[in-house]
Amino acid sequence: MTAAAHSLPAAKPPRRIALLNVKYSPNLGDGLLSECLEAELARTFESIAPGTEVFSIDLAGRRAYPAIAPSRRAALIGVLEALPARLRSLATRAALTALVHLRLRGHVRARLAGCDAVVLGGGNLLTDADLNFPMKIAGALAQAAKLRLPVAVYGVGANRQWSAAGRRLFGRALQSARPAYAAVRDARSQAAWRDLLVPQGVRPAALSGDPGLLASCHFPRPPQPFDAPLAGLCITAPMALRYHATGPEAGSAADAGTVLDAWYGSAARALVDAGLRVALFTNGSPEDRDYLAAMGPEWIRAAKGPVTMTNSFADPAEMIGFIAGCQLIVAHRMHACIAAHSFAIPTIGLRWDVKLDSFFALAGRGNYIADTATLSGPVLTALARQAVAEGVDRAALEALIAGTRGDIARMAAALARAMQPAKAAA
């Protein structure tokens, strides 16, 4: 080797950016938005630092999409629902403390090795159901702080229903992280951030597009069917609606079990009456899959028409392949609606949580969200016909997609600036 060769500077390793999220949740909507954010952030960094690797660290310590198999999740939620509030809080806090100390911290620390930055990104993460996310996020951001890594927050949802302990955990974690950039996905989340976190010394948050709006940019559209148009009716278990609902709609969600068993069958029939084939599907949560398996045959009999049950999806790509082949989506689940909207497929939202109202308002589809308690068969038939005939405003959709790409580019630029001191020191 020549002296000149010895004098060449060593090649700098590519940048590595870790996303903190729940990518591998059985609810594939979480995986969808995580994959979209990974792909778009990597695409954006190609013009800043070519070869940048973007990957996710699951806040529950998972490393892959779960196998489609029986799960104890529904039973665990049922047990938690039955416990008195104080006992439920003590039980979940003990379990989460063990998870954070025995599993999550080591998992995050190992995955952050060699990273240059961290993004807390995508999903309804700033929520407090039995301290689940406050403890996990605090534990993960503590590891990032120990490594002095720049942090950004992007596209998260936030509500106001935080316990005093949850508020302290979120505030301390984000104040210590001192995000180089912070953005939330809707005005309600921005107001909650302003009122609950800014007084604790956390920087204000901007607004940003949900990464799931980029589904059509990063997943292919399948060939369209040649027979009658297909409506996807997304099934959500009453248990899930009760456990996760927030805001004014939480009251009606609490009563969902008394109406949904009959409503889904009448809804399938109403969609058939609108001239549609119907496929019953779920986003993948075990309680939803169990509910569909138990009730689906009865709903098919009640519909008296071309109604089928889909197989469970193994990953977000399979779910997108189904959704993008539909001509209408009817769902409680927000990311089933967001993915469909990205492909310009009309959606009808089933009200249960303020986050869904926020998305339908953003998408300009406020006339297409309704409560199942008042959405009768004839009304749904008429609404479905109207939605399919009207379609989606393409210009408004393209503006949403372009805006989301711009939001991610601004976050990437802020992260790149924050990484410069570390780069110079290296």
Protein backbone atom coordinates (compact mmCIF):
# COMPACT_ATOMS: atom_id res chain seq x y z
CA MET A 1 0.00 0.00 0.00
CA THR A 2 1.40 3.42 -0.96
CA ALA A 3 1.92 6.36 1.38
CA ALA A 4 -0.83 8.21 -0.52
CA ALA A 5 -3.24 5.39 0.22
CA HIS A 6 -2.36 5.62 3.90
CA SER A 7 -3.19 9.34 3.89
CA LEU A 8 -6.74 8.90 2.50
CA PRO A 9 -9.39 9.72 5.11
CA ALA A 10 -11.46 6.82 6.31
CA ALA A 11 -14.88 6.59 4.71
CA LYS A 12 -17.56 7.90 7.03
CA PRO A 13 -20.21 5.35 7.97
CA PRO A 14 -23.73 6.12 6.74
CA ARG A 15 -26.10 7.91 9.04
CA ARG A 16 -28.49 5.79 11.12
CA ILE A 17 -31.80 7.19 12.36
CA ALA A 18 -34.00 5.22 14.75
CA LEU A 19 -37.76 5.70 14.93
CA LEU A 20 -39.47 5.00 18.26
CA ASN A 21 -42.97 3.67 17.61
CA VAL A 22 -45.10 0.54 17.87
CA LYS A 23 -44.38 -0.71 14.36
CA TYR A 24 -44.89 -4.39 15.19
CA SER A 25 -48.19 -4.01 17.00
CA PRO A 26 -50.77 -6.57 15.88
CA ASN A 27 -52.81 -3.56 14.73
CA LEU A 28 -51.25 -3.24 11.29
CA GLY A 29 -52.24 0.41 11.06
CA ASP A 30 -49.27 1.10 13.35
CA GLY A 31 -46.97 -0.82 11.03
CA LEU A 32 -48.37 1.00 8.00
CA LEU A 33 -47.58 4.48 9.29
CA SER A 34 -44.17 3.32 10.58
CA GLU A 35 -43.20 1.87 7.21
CA CYS A 36 -44.39 5.02 5.43
CA LEU A 37 -42.34 7.26 7.75
CA GLU A 38 -39.27 5.03 7.40
CA ALA A 39 -39.47 5.08 3.60
CA GLU A 40 -40.17 8.80 3.27
CA LEU A 41 -37.49 9.85 5.76
CA ALA A 42 -34.92 7.66 3.97
CA ARG A 43 -35.99 9.16 0.63
CA THR A 44 -35.67 12.69 2.02
CA PHE A 45 -32.22 12.04 3.51
CA GLU A 46 -30.88 10.86 0.13
CA SER A 47 -30.38 14.52 -0.74
CA ILE A 48 -28.89 15.34 2.68
CA ALA A 49 -26.76 12.31 3.57
CA PRO A 50 -26.99 9.55 0.92
CA GLY A 51 -27.20 6.02 2.26
CA THR A 52 -28.89 7.03 5.53
CA GLU A 53 -30.47 4.01 7.20
CA VAL A 54 -33.86 4.54 8.85
CA PHE A 55 -35.31 1.80 11.02
CA SER A 56 -37.86 1.35 13.81
CA ILE A 57 -37.47 0.37 17.45
CA ASP A 58 -40.73 -1.04 18.78
CA LEU A 59 -41.64 0.41 22.17
CA ALA A 60 -42.90 -2.98 23.34
CA GLY A 61 -39.64 -4.68 22.44
CA ARG A 62 -41.06 -6.57 19.45
CA ARG A 63 -38.80 -7.29 16.47
CA ALA A 64 -41.21 -8.58 13.80
CA TYR A 65 -44.87 -8.60 12.86
CA PRO A 66 -46.64 -11.11 15.10
CA ALA A 67 -47.68 -14.45 13.73
CA ILE A 68 -51.38 -14.85 13.03
CA ALA A 69 -52.26 -17.05 15.97
CA PRO A 70 -54.51 -17.13 19.04
CA SER A 71 -53.68 -14.33 21.47
CA ARG A 72 -54.31 -13.58 25.15
CA ARG A 73 -54.75 -9.87 24.44
CA ALA A 74 -58.56 -9.90 24.47
CA ALA A 75 -58.62 -11.89 27.71
CA LEU A 76 -56.13 -9.49 29.32
CA ILE A 77 -58.19 -6.45 28.31
CA GLY A 78 -61.26 -8.17 29.73
CA VAL A 79 -59.50 -8.77 33.04
CA LEU A 80 -58.33 -5.15 33.21
CA GLU A 81 -61.83 -3.89 32.46
CA ALA A 82 -63.22 -5.96 35.33
CA LEU A 83 -60.75 -4.68 37.93
CA PRO A 84 -61.54 -1.70 40.19
CA ALA A 85 -59.77 1.41 38.88
CA ARG A 86 -57.11 1.56 41.63
CA LEU A 87 -56.30 -2.15 41.46
CA ARG A 88 -56.14 -1.96 37.65
CA SER A 89 -53.71 0.97 37.91
CA LEU A 90 -51.47 -0.87 40.39
CA ALA A 91 -51.44 -4.07 38.31
CA THR A 92 -50.60 -2.37 35.02
CA ARG A 93 -47.97 -0.13 36.59
CA ALA A 94 -46.20 -3.13 38.14
CA ALA A 95 -46.25 -4.99 34.82
CA LEU A 96 -45.01 -1.96 32.88
CA THR A 97 -42.26 -1.25 35.39
CA ALA A 98 -41.00 -4.80 34.94
CA LEU A 99 -41.22 -4.52 31.15
CA VAL A 100 -39.33 -1.21 31.03
CA HIS A 101 -36.58 -2.26 33.45
CA LEU A 102 -36.10 -5.89 32.42
CA ARG A 103 -36.69 -5.75 28.68
CA LEU A 104 -37.27 -2.38 27.05
CA ARG A 105 -34.26 -0.45 28.27
CA GLY A 106 -31.81 -3.10 27.13
CA HIS A 107 -33.66 -3.53 23.83
CA VAL A 108 -33.58 0.21 23.08
CA ARG A 109 -29.97 0.64 24.26
CA ALA A 110 -28.76 -2.18 21.99
CA ARG A 111 -30.73 -0.95 18.98
CA LEU A 112 -29.49 2.64 19.43
CA ALA A 113 -25.84 1.59 19.21
CA GLY A 114 -24.23 3.48 16.34
CA CYS A 115 -27.26 5.72 15.77
CA ASP A 116 -27.02 9.41 14.97
CA ALA A 117 -30.56 10.57 15.80
CA VAL A 118 -33.93 9.46 17.15
CA VAL A 119 -37.47 10.25 16.01
CA LEU A 120 -40.47 9.63 18.24
CA GLY A 121 -42.75 9.21 15.31
CA GLY A 122 -46.19 8.25 14.14
CA GLY A 123 -49.24 6.93 15.92
CA ASN A 124 -51.38 7.84 18.89
CA LEU A 125 -48.37 7.74 21.23
CA LEU A 126 -49.04 10.63 23.60
CA THR A 127 -51.94 8.89 25.30
CA ASP A 128 -52.20 7.43 28.77
CA ALA A 129 -54.05 4.14 29.04
CA ASP A 130 -52.86 2.75 32.37
CA LEU A 131 -49.49 4.57 31.95
CA ASN A 132 -48.62 2.37 28.97
CA PHE A 133 -47.04 4.96 26.69
CA PRO A 134 -45.83 7.38 29.37
CA MET A 135 -43.63 4.71 30.93
CA LYS A 136 -42.42 3.21 27.64
CA ILE A 137 -41.62 6.57 26.04
CA ALA A 138 -39.89 7.85 29.18
CA GLY A 139 -37.78 4.69 29.33
CA ALA A 140 -36.81 4.86 25.64
CA LEU A 141 -36.02 8.58 25.59
CA ALA A 142 -33.87 8.15 28.71
CA GLN A 143 -31.63 5.83 26.71
CA ALA A 144 -31.43 8.35 23.86
CA ALA A 145 -30.51 11.07 26.39
CA LYS A 146 -27.69 8.94 27.82
CA LEU A 147 -26.22 8.71 24.31
CA ARG A 148 -26.79 12.45 23.72
CA LEU A 149 -28.64 11.78 20.51
CA PRO A 150 -30.65 14.51 18.75
CA VAL A 151 -34.38 13.83 19.04
CA ALA A 152 -37.36 14.87 16.92
CA VAL A 153 -41.07 14.22 17.40
CA TYR A 154 -43.16 13.74 14.28
CA GLY A 155 -46.82 13.09 13.44
CA VAL A 156 -47.92 11.80 16.84
CA GLY A 157 -51.41 12.03 18.27
CA ALA A 158 -52.01 13.41 21.76
CA ASN A 159 -55.07 13.56 23.96
CA ARG A 160 -55.75 15.24 27.29
CA GLN A 161 -56.78 12.20 29.33
CA TRP A 162 -53.44 11.86 31.13
CA SER A 163 -53.05 10.86 34.75
CA ALA A 164 -50.91 13.09 36.96
CA ALA A 165 -48.14 10.48 36.78
CA GLY A 166 -48.47 10.23 33.01
CA ARG A 167 -48.22 13.99 32.61
CA ARG A 168 -45.05 14.08 34.71
CA LEU A 169 -43.48 11.20 32.77
CA PHE A 170 -44.23 12.71 29.36
CA GLY A 171 -43.11 16.18 30.47
CA ARG A 172 -39.83 15.11 32.02
CA ALA A 173 -38.96 12.80 29.13
CA LEU A 174 -39.61 15.38 26.42
CA GLN A 175 -38.10 18.27 28.36
CA SER A 176 -34.90 16.27 28.88
CA ALA A 177 -34.83 15.19 25.23
CA ARG A 178 -35.11 18.83 24.05
CA PRO A 179 -36.47 17.89 20.60
CA ALA A 180 -34.83 19.59 17.64
CA TYR A 181 -38.25 19.47 15.97
CA ALA A 182 -41.73 18.67 17.23
CA ALA A 183 -44.94 18.23 15.26
CA VAL A 184 -48.27 16.55 15.96
CA ARG A 185 -50.87 15.32 13.50
CA ASP A 186 -53.93 17.47 14.24
CA ALA A 187 -55.13 20.64 15.95
CA ARG A 188 -56.56 18.79 18.97
CA SER A 189 -53.19 17.15 19.59
CA GLN A 190 -51.44 20.49 19.17
CA ALA A 191 -53.72 22.09 21.77
CA ALA A 192 -53.13 19.20 24.21
CA TRP A 193 -49.35 19.52 23.71
CA ARG A 194 -49.54 23.28 24.27
CA ASP A 195 -51.58 23.00 27.45
CA LEU A 196 -49.94 19.94 29.03
CA LEU A 197 -46.31 19.98 27.89
CA VAL A 198 -45.28 23.54 27.07
CA PRO A 199 -45.80 24.63 30.73
CA GLN A 200 -43.27 21.92 31.65
CA GLY A 201 -40.60 23.47 29.41
CA VAL A 202 -41.20 21.46 26.23
CA ARG A 203 -41.03 23.41 22.96
CA PRO A 204 -44.35 24.07 21.15
CA ALA A 205 -45.37 21.60 18.46
CA ALA A 206 -46.13 22.37 14.82
CA LEU A 207 -48.77 20.56 12.78
CA SER A 208 -47.82 17.76 10.40
CA GLY A 209 -49.45 15.25 8.09
CA ASP A 210 -49.94 11.68 9.24
CA PRO A 211 -47.31 9.43 7.60
CA GLY A 212 -50.09 7.01 6.57
CA LEU A 213 -51.17 9.59 3.98
CA LEU A 214 -48.10 8.49 2.00
CA ALA A 215 -49.30 4.88 1.63
CA SER A 216 -49.92 5.34 -2.10
CA CYS A 217 -46.36 6.70 -2.49
CA HIS A 218 -44.67 3.66 -0.97
CA PHE A 219 -47.04 0.72 -1.65
CA PRO A 220 -48.27 -0.40 -5.09
CA ARG A 221 -51.91 -0.29 -6.13
CA PRO A 222 -53.19 -3.76 -7.13
CA PRO A 223 -55.12 -4.39 -10.35
CA GLN A 224 -58.73 -3.29 -10.02
CA PRO A 225 -61.43 -6.00 -10.06
CA PHE A 226 -63.57 -6.52 -13.15
CA ASP A 227 -66.76 -7.51 -11.32
CA ALA A 228 -69.01 -5.45 -9.04
CA PRO A 229 -67.29 -2.78 -6.93
CA LEU A 230 -66.00 -3.94 -3.56
CA ALA A 231 -66.64 -2.36 -0.17
CA GLY A 232 -64.35 -3.21 2.73
CA LEU A 233 -66.21 -3.24 6.06
CA CYS A 234 -63.59 -3.03 8.81
CA ILE A 235 -64.63 -4.91 11.96
CA THR A 236 -63.62 -3.52 15.36
CA ALA A 237 -64.45 -5.32 18.60
CA PRO A 238 -66.63 -3.45 21.11
CA MET A 239 -63.98 -4.26 23.71
CA ALA A 240 -61.37 -2.27 21.79
CA LEU A 241 -63.70 0.69 21.41
CA ARG A 242 -64.45 0.74 25.13
CA TYR A 243 -60.81 0.44 26.19
CA HIS A 244 -59.27 3.03 23.85
CA ALA A 245 -62.00 5.61 23.19
CA THR A 246 -61.36 9.19 24.33
CA GLY A 247 -63.17 12.51 24.22
CA PRO A 248 -66.92 13.12 23.89
CA GLU A 249 -67.35 9.97 21.81
CA ALA A 250 -66.14 7.71 24.63
CA GLY A 251 -69.65 7.50 26.06
CA SER A 252 -71.18 6.05 22.92
CA ALA A 253 -68.19 3.73 22.53
CA ALA A 254 -68.86 2.35 25.99
CA ASP A 255 -72.27 1.20 24.79
CA ALA A 256 -70.94 -0.20 21.50
CA GLY A 257 -71.37 -3.83 22.50
CA THR A 258 -75.11 -3.43 22.77
CA VAL A 259 -75.48 -2.27 19.18
CA LEU A 260 -72.54 -3.53 17.10
CA ASP A 261 -73.46 -7.21 17.12
CA ALA A 262 -76.60 -6.40 15.16
CA TRP A 263 -75.29 -3.32 13.40
CA TYR A 264 -72.50 -4.99 11.42
CA GLY A 265 -74.97 -7.44 9.86
CA SER A 266 -77.35 -4.65 8.91
CA ALA A 267 -74.41 -2.60 7.58
CA ALA A 268 -73.29 -5.45 5.33
CA ARG A 269 -76.85 -5.71 4.03
CA ALA A 270 -77.01 -1.94 3.46
CA LEU A 271 -73.81 -2.03 1.41
CA VAL A 272 -75.18 -4.91 -0.67
CA ASP A 273 -78.31 -2.81 -1.26
CA ALA A 274 -76.01 -0.05 -2.54
CA GLY A 275 -74.85 -2.43 -5.30
CA LEU A 276 -71.55 -3.43 -3.68
CA ARG A 277 -69.81 -6.69 -2.94
CA VAL A 278 -68.69 -6.65 0.69
CA ALA A 279 -65.56 -8.04 2.35
CA LEU A 280 -65.34 -8.12 6.15
CA PHE A 281 -61.78 -7.48 7.37
CA THR A 282 -59.79 -6.27 10.39
CA ASN A 283 -56.64 -4.24 10.96
CA GLY A 284 -55.20 -7.26 12.73
CA SER A 285 -55.78 -6.68 16.45
CA PRO A 286 -56.48 -10.10 18.05
CA GLU A 287 -59.71 -8.96 19.71
CA ASP A 288 -60.98 -7.75 16.32
CA ARG A 289 -60.01 -11.01 14.61
CA ASP A 290 -61.75 -13.02 17.32
CA TYR A 291 -64.87 -10.89 17.04
CA LEU A 292 -65.00 -11.32 13.26
CA ALA A 293 -64.45 -15.08 13.52
CA ALA A 294 -67.25 -15.42 16.06
CA MET A 295 -69.81 -13.14 14.44
CA GLY A 296 -68.88 -13.08 10.76
CA PRO A 297 -70.98 -16.10 9.66
CA GLU A 298 -74.07 -14.57 11.32
CA TRP A 299 -73.47 -11.22 9.60
CA ILE A 300 -73.07 -12.94 6.25
CA ARG A 301 -76.40 -14.72 6.71
CA ALA A 302 -78.06 -11.45 7.71
CA ALA A 303 -76.72 -9.65 4.64
CA LYS A 304 -78.25 -12.12 2.17
CA GLY A 305 -75.87 -11.10 -0.59
CA PRO A 306 -72.27 -11.21 -1.84
CA VAL A 307 -70.47 -10.88 1.50
CA THR A 308 -67.23 -12.66 2.40
CA MET A 309 -64.67 -12.70 5.22
CA THR A 310 -61.05 -11.94 4.36
CA ASN A 311 -58.13 -13.93 5.69
CA SER A 312 -56.01 -12.18 8.32
CA PHE A 313 -53.20 -10.05 6.91
CA ALA A 314 -49.60 -10.94 7.78
CA ASP A 315 -48.20 -7.41 7.44
CA PRO A 316 -49.11 -3.90 6.28
CA ALA A 317 -48.33 -4.69 2.64
CA GLU A 318 -51.02 -7.38 2.62
CA MET A 319 -53.51 -5.04 4.27
CA ILE A 320 -52.76 -2.27 1.77
CA GLY A 321 -53.09 -4.75 -1.10
CA PHE A 322 -56.65 -5.41 0.06
CA ILE A 323 -57.65 -1.82 0.89
CA ALA A 324 -56.28 -0.40 -2.35
CA GLY A 325 -58.40 -2.90 -4.30
CA CYS A 326 -61.65 -1.62 -2.76
CA GLN A 327 -63.95 1.09 -4.05
CA LEU A 328 -65.23 2.02 -0.56
CA ILE A 329 -63.98 1.56 3.01
CA VAL A 330 -66.25 1.73 6.08
CA ALA A 331 -64.31 1.68 9.35
CA HIS A 332 -63.77 2.77 12.94
CA ARG A 333 -60.04 2.20 12.53
CA MET A 334 -58.33 5.45 11.52
CA HIS A 335 -55.50 4.01 9.46
CA ALA A 336 -57.82 1.88 7.38
CA CYS A 337 -59.45 5.19 6.44
CA ILE A 338 -56.15 7.04 5.99
CA ALA A 339 -54.69 4.33 3.75
CA ALA A 340 -57.83 4.26 1.61
CA HIS A 341 -57.85 8.05 1.33
CA SER A 342 -54.22 8.01 0.17
CA PHE A 343 -55.32 5.85 -2.78
CA ALA A 344 -58.30 8.18 -3.45
CA ILE A 345 -60.77 5.55 -2.24
CA PRO A 346 -63.90 7.02 -0.60
CA THR A 347 -64.28 6.29 3.11
CA ILE A 348 -67.10 6.34 5.64
CA GLY A 349 -65.84 6.76 9.20
CA LEU A 350 -67.60 5.22 12.21
CA ARG A 351 -67.29 7.68 15.06
CA TRP A 352 -65.66 6.49 18.30
CA ASP A 353 -62.62 8.67 19.06
CA VAL A 354 -61.84 12.34 18.42
CA LYS A 355 -58.79 11.37 16.38
CA LEU A 356 -61.06 10.00 13.65
CA ASP A 357 -63.12 13.20 13.60
CA SER A 358 -59.88 15.16 13.29
CA PHE A 359 -58.76 13.17 10.28
CA PHE A 360 -62.10 13.39 8.48
CA ALA A 361 -62.13 17.16 9.04
CA LEU A 362 -58.57 17.42 7.67
CA ALA A 363 -59.49 15.34 4.63
CA GLY A 364 -62.59 17.43 3.95
CA ARG A 365 -64.88 14.46 4.52
CA GLY A 366 -66.83 15.69 7.52
CA ASN A 367 -70.09 14.63 5.82
CA TYR A 368 -68.89 11.01 5.77
CA ILE A 369 -68.42 10.25 9.46
CA ALA A 370 -71.33 8.99 11.55
CA ASP A 371 -72.23 7.23 14.78
CA THR A 372 -73.34 3.62 14.37
CA ALA A 373 -76.15 4.27 16.87
CA THR A 374 -77.82 6.56 14.34
CA LEU A 375 -76.50 5.13 11.07
CA SER A 376 -79.44 2.95 10.00
CA GLY A 377 -79.34 0.58 7.05
CA PRO A 378 -81.18 2.87 4.60
CA VAL A 379 -79.05 5.87 5.62
CA LEU A 380 -75.84 3.86 5.12
CA THR A 381 -77.05 2.64 1.71
CA ALA A 382 -77.66 6.22 0.60
CA LEU A 383 -74.36 7.44 2.09
CA ALA A 384 -72.41 4.63 0.40
CA ARG A 385 -73.94 5.41 -2.99
CA GLN A 386 -73.18 9.09 -2.53
CA ALA A 387 -69.56 8.42 -1.45
CA VAL A 388 -68.82 6.16 -4.43
CA ALA A 389 -70.48 8.55 -6.90
CA GLU A 390 -68.72 11.62 -5.49
CA GLY A 391 -65.28 10.03 -5.11
CA VAL A 392 -62.35 11.89 -3.57
CA ASP A 393 -61.21 15.42 -4.35
CA ARG A 394 -57.93 14.62 -6.13
CA ALA A 395 -56.51 18.14 -5.94
CA ALA A 396 -57.11 18.32 -2.18
CA LEU A 397 -55.61 14.84 -1.73
CA GLU A 398 -52.51 15.74 -3.73
CA ALA A 399 -52.10 18.84 -1.58
CA LEU A 400 -52.32 16.72 1.59
CA ILE A 401 -49.71 14.28 0.29
CA ALA A 402 -47.38 17.07 -0.85
CA GLY A 403 -47.84 18.84 2.48
CA THR A 404 -46.96 15.68 4.41
CA ARG A 405 -43.82 15.19 2.33
CA GLY A 406 -42.89 18.80 3.04
CA ASP A 407 -43.48 18.30 6.76
CA ILE A 408 -41.15 15.31 6.83
CA ALA A 409 -38.54 17.23 4.83
CA ARG A 410 -38.63 20.06 7.40
CA MET A 411 -38.19 17.58 10.22
CA ALA A 412 -35.28 15.94 8.36
CA ALA A 413 -33.58 19.30 7.86
CA ALA A 414 -33.91 20.10 11.57
CA LEU A 415 -32.44 16.72 12.48
CA ALA A 416 -29.57 17.20 10.03
CA ARG A 417 -28.72 20.54 11.65
CA ALA A 418 -28.87 18.97 15.11
CA MET A 419 -26.50 16.20 14.00
CA GLN A 420 -23.83 18.61 12.73
CA PRO A 421 -22.05 19.17 16.08
CA ALA A 422 -21.81 15.43 16.62
CA LYS A 423 -20.48 14.99 13.09
CA ALA A 424 -17.84 17.70 13.60
CA ALA A 425 -16.73 16.15 16.88
CA ALA A 426 -16.42 12.75 15.21
